[in-house]
PDB file of N, CA and C in Angstrom:
ATOM      1  N   MET A   1       6.586 -17.949  -4.153  1.00  0.00           N
ATOM      2  CA  MET A   1       7.506 -16.870  -4.396  1.00  0.00           C
ATOM      3  C   MET A   1       8.705 -17.066  -3.482  1.00  0.00           C
ATOM      4  N   ALA A   2       9.922 -16.865  -4.011  1.00  0.00           N
ATOM      5  CA  ALA A   2      11.123 -17.048  -3.207  1.00  0.00           C
ATOM      6  C   ALA A   2      12.130 -15.970  -3.544  1.00  0.00           C
ATOM      7  N   HIS A   3      13.032 -15.725  -2.627  1.00  0.00           N
ATOM      8  CA  HIS A   3      14.090 -14.738  -2.808  1.00  0.00           C
ATOM      9  C   HIS A   3      15.412 -15.469  -2.688  1.00  0.00           C
ATOM     10  N   ALA A   4      16.169 -15.528  -3.772  1.00  0.00           N
ATOM     11  CA  ALA A   4      17.448 -16.237  -3.756  1.00  0.00           C
ATOM     12  C   ALA A   4      18.531 -15.335  -3.191  1.00  0.00           C
ATOM     13  N   ILE A   5      19.521 -15.949  -2.579  1.00  0.00           N
ATOM     14  CA  ILE A   5      20.652 -15.193  -2.035  1.00  0.00           C
ATOM     15  C   ILE A   5      21.901 -15.542  -2.794  1.00  0.00           C
ATOM     16  N   ASP A   6      22.885 -14.682  -2.717  1.00  0.00           N
ATOM     17  CA  ASP A   6      24.169 -14.906  -3.354  1.00  0.00           C
ATOM     18  C   ASP A   6      25.062 -15.690  -2.409  1.00  0.00           C
ATOM     19  N   GLY A   7      25.335 -16.922  -2.730  1.00  0.00           N
ATOM     20  CA  GLY A   7      26.151 -17.775  -1.885  1.00  0.00           C
ATOM     21  C   GLY A   7      27.610 -17.365  -1.846  1.00  0.00           C
ATOM     22  N   ASP A   8      28.032 -16.456  -2.728  1.00  0.00           N
ATOM     23  CA  ASP A   8      29.417 -16.010  -2.770  1.00  0.00           C
ATOM     24  C   ASP A   8      29.606 -14.657  -2.097  1.00  0.00           C
ATOM     25  N   ALA A   9      28.676 -14.263  -1.258  1.00  0.00           N
ATOM     26  CA  ALA A   9      28.789 -12.971  -0.588  1.00  0.00           C
ATOM     27  C   ALA A   9      30.074 -12.927   0.221  1.00  0.00           C
ATOM     28  N   GLU A  10      30.825 -11.824   0.064  1.00  0.00           N
ATOM     29  CA  GLU A  10      32.115 -11.718   0.732  1.00  0.00           C
ATOM     30  C   GLU A  10      32.010 -11.225   2.162  1.00  0.00           C
ATOM     31  N   HIS A  11      30.950 -10.569   2.519  1.00  0.00           N
ATOM     32  CA  HIS A  11      30.805 -10.030   3.855  1.00  0.00           C
ATOM     33  C   HIS A  11      29.918 -10.940   4.693  1.00  0.00           C
ATOM     34  N   GLU A  12      30.186 -10.939   5.982  1.00  0.00           N
ATOM     35  CA  GLU A  12      29.401 -11.784   6.869  1.00  0.00           C
ATOM     36  C   GLU A  12      28.207 -11.001   7.395  1.00  0.00           C
ATOM     37  N   GLU A  13      27.032 -11.436   7.070  1.00  0.00           N
ATOM     38  CA  GLU A  13      25.800 -10.863   7.571  1.00  0.00           C
ATOM     39  C   GLU A  13      24.963 -12.005   8.105  1.00  0.00           C
ATOM     40  N   VAL A  14      24.128 -11.686   9.029  1.00  0.00           N
ATOM     41  CA  VAL A  14      23.191 -12.681   9.528  1.00  0.00           C
ATOM     42  C   VAL A  14      22.077 -12.810   8.502  1.00  0.00           C
ATOM     43  N   LEU A  15      21.764 -14.023   8.128  1.00  0.00           N
ATOM     44  CA  LEU A  15      20.637 -14.280   7.236  1.00  0.00           C
ATOM     45  C   LEU A  15      19.382 -14.470   8.072  1.00  0.00           C
ATOM     46  N   TYR A  16      18.271 -14.024   7.524  1.00  0.00           N
ATOM     47  CA  TYR A  16      16.980 -14.176   8.186  1.00  0.00           C
ATOM     48  C   TYR A  16      16.038 -14.939   7.278  1.00  0.00           C
ATOM     49  N   HIS A  17      15.295 -15.852   7.874  1.00  0.00           N
ATOM     50  CA  HIS A  17      14.284 -16.629   7.160  1.00  0.00           C
ATOM     51  C   HIS A  17      12.932 -16.013   7.480  1.00  0.00           C
ATOM     52  N   VAL A  18      12.258 -15.553   6.442  1.00  0.00           N
ATOM     53  CA  VAL A  18      10.923 -14.970   6.574  1.00  0.00           C
ATOM     54  C   VAL A  18       9.948 -15.996   6.027  1.00  0.00           C
ATOM     55  N   VAL A  19       8.947 -16.366   6.815  1.00  0.00           N
ATOM     56  CA  VAL A  19       8.015 -17.399   6.383  1.00  0.00           C
ATOM     57  C   VAL A  19       6.578 -16.995   6.698  1.00  0.00           C
ATOM     58  N   CYS A  20       5.707 -17.281   5.751  1.00  0.00           N
ATOM     59  CA  CYS A  20       4.280 -17.047   5.926  1.00  0.00           C
ATOM     60  C   CYS A  20       3.641 -18.362   6.356  1.00  0.00           C
ATOM     61  N   HIS A  21       2.820 -18.289   7.395  1.00  0.00           N
ATOM     62  CA  HIS A  21       2.147 -19.498   7.893  1.00  0.00           C
ATOM     63  C   HIS A  21       0.814 -19.755   7.192  1.00  0.00           C
ATOM     64  N   ASP A  22       0.425 -18.833   6.304  1.00  0.00           N
ATOM     65  CA  ASP A  22      -0.864 -18.970   5.630  1.00  0.00           C
ATOM     66  C   ASP A  22      -0.753 -19.291   4.146  1.00  0.00           C
ATOM     67  N   CYS A  23       0.463 -19.266   3.604  1.00  0.00           N
ATOM     68  CA  CYS A  23       0.674 -19.629   2.203  1.00  0.00           C
ATOM     69  C   CYS A  23       2.114 -20.120   2.047  1.00  0.00           C
ATOM     70  N   GLU A  24       2.548 -20.361   0.833  1.00  0.00           N
ATOM     71  CA  GLU A  24       3.876 -20.936   0.592  1.00  0.00           C
ATOM     72  C   GLU A  24       4.980 -19.881   0.457  1.00  0.00           C
ATOM     73  N   THR A  25       4.697 -18.631   0.726  1.00  0.00           N
ATOM     74  CA  THR A  25       5.694 -17.572   0.580  1.00  0.00           C
ATOM     75  C   THR A  25       6.761 -17.663   1.658  1.00  0.00           C
ATOM     76  N   GLU A  26       8.016 -17.585   1.230  1.00  0.00           N
ATOM     77  CA  GLU A  26       9.127 -17.501   2.173  1.00  0.00           C
ATOM     78  C   GLU A  26      10.300 -16.817   1.487  1.00  0.00           C
ATOM     79  N   PHE A  27      11.154 -16.192   2.280  1.00  0.00           N
ATOM     80  CA  PHE A  27      12.302 -15.452   1.771  1.00  0.00           C
ATOM     81  C   PHE A  27      13.510 -15.714   2.655  1.00  0.00           C
ATOM     82  N   LEU A  28      14.693 -15.561   2.085  1.00  0.00           N
ATOM     83  CA  LEU A  28      15.929 -15.438   2.848  1.00  0.00           C
ATOM     84  C   LEU A  28      16.389 -14.011   2.639  1.00  0.00           C
ATOM     85  N   SER A  29      16.648 -13.305   3.726  1.00  0.00           N
ATOM     86  CA  SER A  29      17.019 -11.899   3.650  1.00  0.00           C
ATOM     87  C   SER A  29      18.373 -11.661   4.290  1.00  0.00           C
ATOM     88  N   HIS A  30      19.108 -10.708   3.731  1.00  0.00           N
ATOM     89  CA  HIS A  30      20.380 -10.264   4.307  1.00  0.00           C
ATOM     90  C   HIS A  30      20.066  -9.161   5.302  1.00  0.00           C
ATOM     91  N   GLY A  31      20.143  -9.448   6.568  1.00  0.00           N
ATOM     92  CA  GLY A  31      19.929  -8.440   7.591  1.00  0.00           C
ATOM     93  C   GLY A  31      18.499  -8.352   8.084  1.00  0.00           C
ATOM     94  N   GLU A  32      18.387  -7.902   9.310  1.00  0.00           N
ATOM     95  CA  GLU A  32      17.083  -7.834   9.968  1.00  0.00           C
ATOM     96  C   GLU A  32      16.165  -6.792   9.343  1.00  0.00           C
ATOM     97  N   ARG A  33      16.717  -5.671   8.928  1.00  0.00           N
ATOM     98  CA  ARG A  33      15.871  -4.623   8.336  1.00  0.00           C
ATOM     99  C   ARG A  33      15.177  -5.126   7.071  1.00  0.00           C
ATOM    100  N   GLU A  34      15.910  -5.826   6.213  1.00  0.00           N
ATOM    101  CA  GLU A  34      15.311  -6.385   5.004  1.00  0.00           C
ATOM    102  C   GLU A  34      14.225  -7.408   5.364  1.00  0.00           C
ATOM    103  N   ALA A  35      14.487  -8.237   6.369  1.00  0.00           N
ATOM    104  CA  ALA A  35      13.501  -9.232   6.805  1.00  0.00           C
ATOM    105  C   ALA A  35      12.229  -8.548   7.291  1.00  0.00           C
ATOM    106  N   GLU A  36      12.379  -7.491   8.079  1.00  0.00           N
ATOM    107  CA  GLU A  36      11.217  -6.756   8.568  1.00  0.00           C
ATOM    108  C   GLU A  36      10.426  -6.132   7.428  1.00  0.00           C
ATOM    109  N   GLU A  37      11.129  -5.611   6.418  1.00  0.00           N
ATOM    110  CA  GLU A  37      10.456  -5.018   5.262  1.00  0.00           C
ATOM    111  C   GLU A  37       9.671  -6.068   4.486  1.00  0.00           C
ATOM    112  N   ARG A  38      10.286  -7.221   4.249  1.00  0.00           N
ATOM    113  CA  ARG A  38       9.603  -8.309   3.537  1.00  0.00           C
ATOM    114  C   ARG A  38       8.367  -8.766   4.304  1.00  0.00           C
ATOM    115  N   LEU A  39       8.529  -8.932   5.633  1.00  0.00           N
ATOM    116  CA  LEU A  39       7.417  -9.347   6.483  1.00  0.00           C
ATOM    117  C   LEU A  39       6.280  -8.337   6.368  1.00  0.00           C
ATOM    118  N   SER A  40       6.610  -7.074   6.528  1.00  0.00           N
ATOM    119  CA  SER A  40       5.603  -6.012   6.501  1.00  0.00           C
ATOM    120  C   SER A  40       4.883  -5.937   5.160  1.00  0.00           C
ATOM    121  N   GLU A  41       5.639  -6.022   4.064  1.00  0.00           N
ATOM    122  CA  GLU A  41       5.045  -5.975   2.726  1.00  0.00           C
ATOM    123  C   GLU A  41       4.051  -7.111   2.518  1.00  0.00           C
ATOM    124  N   HIS A  42       4.461  -8.325   2.864  1.00  0.00           N
ATOM    125  CA  HIS A  42       3.579  -9.476   2.640  1.00  0.00           C
ATOM    126  C   HIS A  42       2.371  -9.420   3.562  1.00  0.00           C
ATOM    127  N   GLN A  43       2.605  -9.068   4.818  1.00  0.00           N
ATOM    128  CA  GLN A  43       1.513  -8.998   5.780  1.00  0.00           C
ATOM    129  C   GLN A  43       0.505  -7.916   5.388  1.00  0.00           C
ATOM    130  N   SER A  44       0.996  -6.771   4.937  1.00  0.00           N
ATOM    131  CA  SER A  44       0.120  -5.670   4.539  1.00  0.00           C
ATOM    132  C   SER A  44      -0.722  -6.012   3.312  1.00  0.00           C
ATOM    133  N   SER A  45      -0.126  -6.700   2.364  1.00  0.00           N
ATOM    134  CA  SER A  45      -0.842  -6.995   1.125  1.00  0.00           C
ATOM    135  C   SER A  45      -1.778  -8.194   1.230  1.00  0.00           C
ATOM    136  N   THR A  46      -1.553  -9.061   2.228  1.00  0.00           N
ATOM    137  CA  THR A  46      -2.359 -10.286   2.313  1.00  0.00           C
ATOM    138  C   THR A  46      -3.119 -10.452   3.621  1.00  0.00           C
ATOM    139  N   GLY A  47      -2.631  -9.839   4.697  1.00  0.00           N
ATOM    140  CA  GLY A  47      -3.217 -10.060   6.018  1.00  0.00           C
ATOM    141  C   GLY A  47      -2.785 -11.376   6.642  1.00  0.00           C
ATOM    142  N   HIS A  48      -1.768 -12.000   6.051  1.00  0.00           N
ATOM    143  CA  HIS A  48      -1.302 -13.307   6.524  1.00  0.00           C
ATOM    144  C   HIS A  48      -0.450 -13.197   7.783  1.00  0.00           C
ATOM    145  N   ASN A  49      -0.289 -14.331   8.459  1.00  0.00           N
ATOM    146  CA  ASN A  49       0.548 -14.468   9.650  1.00  0.00           C
ATOM    147  C   ASN A  49       1.972 -14.766   9.179  1.00  0.00           C
ATOM    148  N   VAL A  50       2.878 -13.791   9.332  1.00  0.00           N
ATOM    149  CA  VAL A  50       4.242 -13.897   8.831  1.00  0.00           C
ATOM    150  C   VAL A  50       5.214 -13.695   9.990  1.00  0.00           C
ATOM    151  N   GLU A  51       6.295 -14.483   9.997  1.00  0.00           N
ATOM    152  CA  GLU A  51       7.327 -14.369  11.025  1.00  0.00           C
ATOM    153  C   GLU A  51       8.698 -14.439  10.377  1.00  0.00           C
ATOM    154  N   TYR A  52       9.717 -14.009  11.121  1.00  0.00           N
ATOM    155  CA  TYR A  52      11.084 -14.205  10.664  1.00  0.00           C
ATOM    156  C   TYR A  52      11.970 -14.579  11.841  1.00  0.00           C
ATOM    157  N   ALA A  53      13.088 -15.244  11.505  1.00  0.00           N
ATOM    158  CA  ALA A  53      14.060 -15.650  12.524  1.00  0.00           C
ATOM    159  C   ALA A  53      15.445 -15.621  11.909  1.00  0.00           C
ATOM    160  N   ALA A  54      16.441 -15.350  12.747  1.00  0.00           N
ATOM    161  CA  ALA A  54      17.835 -15.351  12.290  1.00  0.00           C
ATOM    162  C   ALA A  54      18.302 -16.787  12.054  1.00  0.00           C
ATOM    163  N   LEU A  55      19.101 -16.959  11.025  1.00  0.00           N
ATOM    164  CA  LEU A  55      19.716 -18.250  10.726  1.00  0.00           C
ATOM    165  C   LEU A  55      21.197 -18.155  11.000  1.00  0.00           C
ATOM    166  N   SER A  56      21.792 -19.216  11.443  1.00  0.00           N
ATOM    167  CA  SER A  56      23.228 -19.251  11.685  1.00  0.00           C
ATOM    168  C   SER A  56      23.899 -19.972  10.538  1.00  0.00           C
ATOM    169  N   GLU A  57      24.880 -19.298   9.916  1.00  0.00           N
ATOM    170  CA  GLU A  57      25.617 -19.925   8.810  1.00  0.00           C
ATOM    171  C   GLU A  57      26.716 -20.845   9.305  1.00  0.00           C
ATOM    172  N   THR A  58      27.125 -20.660  10.554  1.00  0.00           N
ATOM    173  CA  THR A  58      28.191 -21.480  11.096  1.00  0.00           C
ATOM    174  C   THR A  58      27.655 -22.284  12.269  1.00  0.00           C
ATOM    175  N   GLY A  59      28.462 -23.127  12.827  1.00  0.00           N
ATOM    176  CA  GLY A  59      28.047 -23.963  13.928  1.00  0.00           C
ATOM    177  C   GLY A  59      27.924 -23.244  15.260  1.00  0.00           C
ATOM    178  N   GLY A  60      28.101 -21.942  15.269  1.00  0.00           N
ATOM    179  CA  GLY A  60      27.987 -21.177  16.506  1.00  0.00           C
ATOM    180  C   GLY A  60      29.280 -20.474  16.822  1.00  0.00           C
ATOM    181  N   ASN A  61      29.310 -19.768  17.954  1.00  0.00           N
ATOM    182  CA  ASN A  61      30.511 -19.002  18.322  1.00  0.00           C
ATOM    183  C   ASN A  61      31.310 -19.726  19.360  1.00  0.00           C
TER     184      ASN A  61
END
């Protein structure tokens, strides 16, 4: 299962990569709140070990 993002988004948001260590599920989320929701939903329904981390779209500041 995957969550596609819109590459033409006009606003700058931090993307988050949500990944399950117990299955092939992973998502890209716009914003930390969405990442936390995805993590919680998958973890609650499966009991799997799920984590998320911020991704940088640019080479840094």
